[in-house]
Amino acid sequence: MKKTSFFYRVFDLYYDGFKHMTLGKTLWTVIIIKLIIMFLVLKVFFFPNFLKENSKPGKEGDFVEQQIMKR
């Protein structure tokens, strides 16, 4: 890739910016930890697999169809 190309300059801008961050690295770490907690931990405990509990294996589509038609 040529060093004067647009993509190289954009990559270099972000690479250099992230390399020299001090507070930003800590903030990104906190953000990533929060996302892991939100999507992994909370999903496991507060959002059960509703289709798996209420429908027969292989008949999930029929269950969804029946639930939609009832409403």
Protein backbone atom coordinates (compact mmCIF):
# COMPACT_ATOMS: atom_id res chain seq x y z
CA MET A 1 0.00 0.00 0.00
CA LYS A 2 1.36 3.44 -0.85
CA LYS A 3 2.06 5.63 2.14
CA THR A 4 0.24 8.50 0.48
CA SER A 5 -2.99 6.60 -0.13
CA PHE A 6 -6.14 7.65 1.66
CA PHE A 7 -6.61 4.34 3.47
CA TYR A 8 -3.06 4.35 4.78
CA ARG A 9 -3.45 7.89 6.12
CA VAL A 10 -6.74 6.99 7.85
CA PHE A 11 -5.23 3.82 9.33
CA ASP A 12 -2.14 5.74 10.48
CA LEU A 13 -4.32 8.43 12.10
CA TYR A 14 -6.22 5.91 14.21
CA TYR A 15 -3.19 3.72 14.91
CA ASP A 16 -1.15 6.66 16.14
CA GLY A 17 -4.08 8.01 18.15
CA PHE A 18 -4.74 4.74 19.97
CA LYS A 19 -1.03 4.14 20.53
CA HIS A 20 -0.58 7.42 22.42
CA MET A 21 -3.75 7.25 24.51
CA THR A 22 -3.44 7.13 28.27
CA LEU A 23 -6.86 7.89 29.71
CA GLY A 24 -8.58 6.58 26.58
CA LYS A 25 -7.22 3.06 27.06
CA THR A 26 -8.68 2.96 30.56
CA LEU A 27 -12.03 4.25 29.33
CA TRP A 28 -12.14 1.71 26.48
CA THR A 29 -11.38 -1.04 28.99
CA VAL A 30 -14.29 0.09 31.18
CA ILE A 31 -16.60 0.24 28.15
CA ILE A 32 -15.64 -3.28 27.03
CA ILE A 33 -16.14 -4.68 30.54
CA LYS A 34 -19.59 -3.06 30.73
CA LEU A 35 -20.57 -4.51 27.35
CA ILE A 36 -19.45 -7.97 28.43
CA ILE A 37 -21.53 -7.67 31.59
CA MET A 38 -24.57 -6.40 29.68
CA PHE A 39 -24.57 -8.95 26.89
CA LEU A 40 -23.25 -12.07 28.57
CA VAL A 41 -24.14 -11.94 32.26
CA LEU A 42 -27.51 -10.20 32.05
CA LYS A 43 -28.63 -12.30 29.07
CA VAL A 44 -27.93 -15.53 30.92
CA PHE A 45 -29.82 -14.55 34.07
CA PHE A 46 -32.62 -12.25 32.89
CA PHE A 47 -33.46 -13.28 29.32
CA PRO A 48 -34.22 -17.01 29.14
CA ASN A 49 -34.69 -18.79 25.83
CA PHE A 50 -38.46 -18.45 25.55
CA LEU A 51 -38.82 -20.57 22.41
CA LYS A 52 -36.80 -23.44 23.84
CA GLU A 53 -38.94 -23.52 26.99
CA ASN A 54 -42.36 -23.22 25.32
CA SER A 55 -42.09 -25.08 22.01
CA LYS A 56 -41.16 -28.57 20.90
CA PRO A 57 -37.80 -29.11 19.19
CA GLY A 58 -38.13 -28.49 15.46
CA LYS A 59 -41.54 -26.82 15.83
CA GLU A 60 -40.37 -23.33 16.78
CA GLY A 61 -41.80 -21.82 13.60
CA ASP A 62 -45.22 -23.30 14.28
CA PHE A 63 -45.16 -21.98 17.84
CA VAL A 64 -44.32 -18.45 16.66
CA GLU A 65 -47.05 -18.63 14.02
CA GLN A 66 -49.65 -19.71 16.59
CA GLN A 67 -48.64 -16.94 18.99
CA ILE A 68 -48.86 -14.29 16.27
CA MET A 69 -52.24 -15.53 15.04
CA LYS A 70 -53.69 -15.46 18.59
CA ARG A 71 -52.93 -11.76 18.96
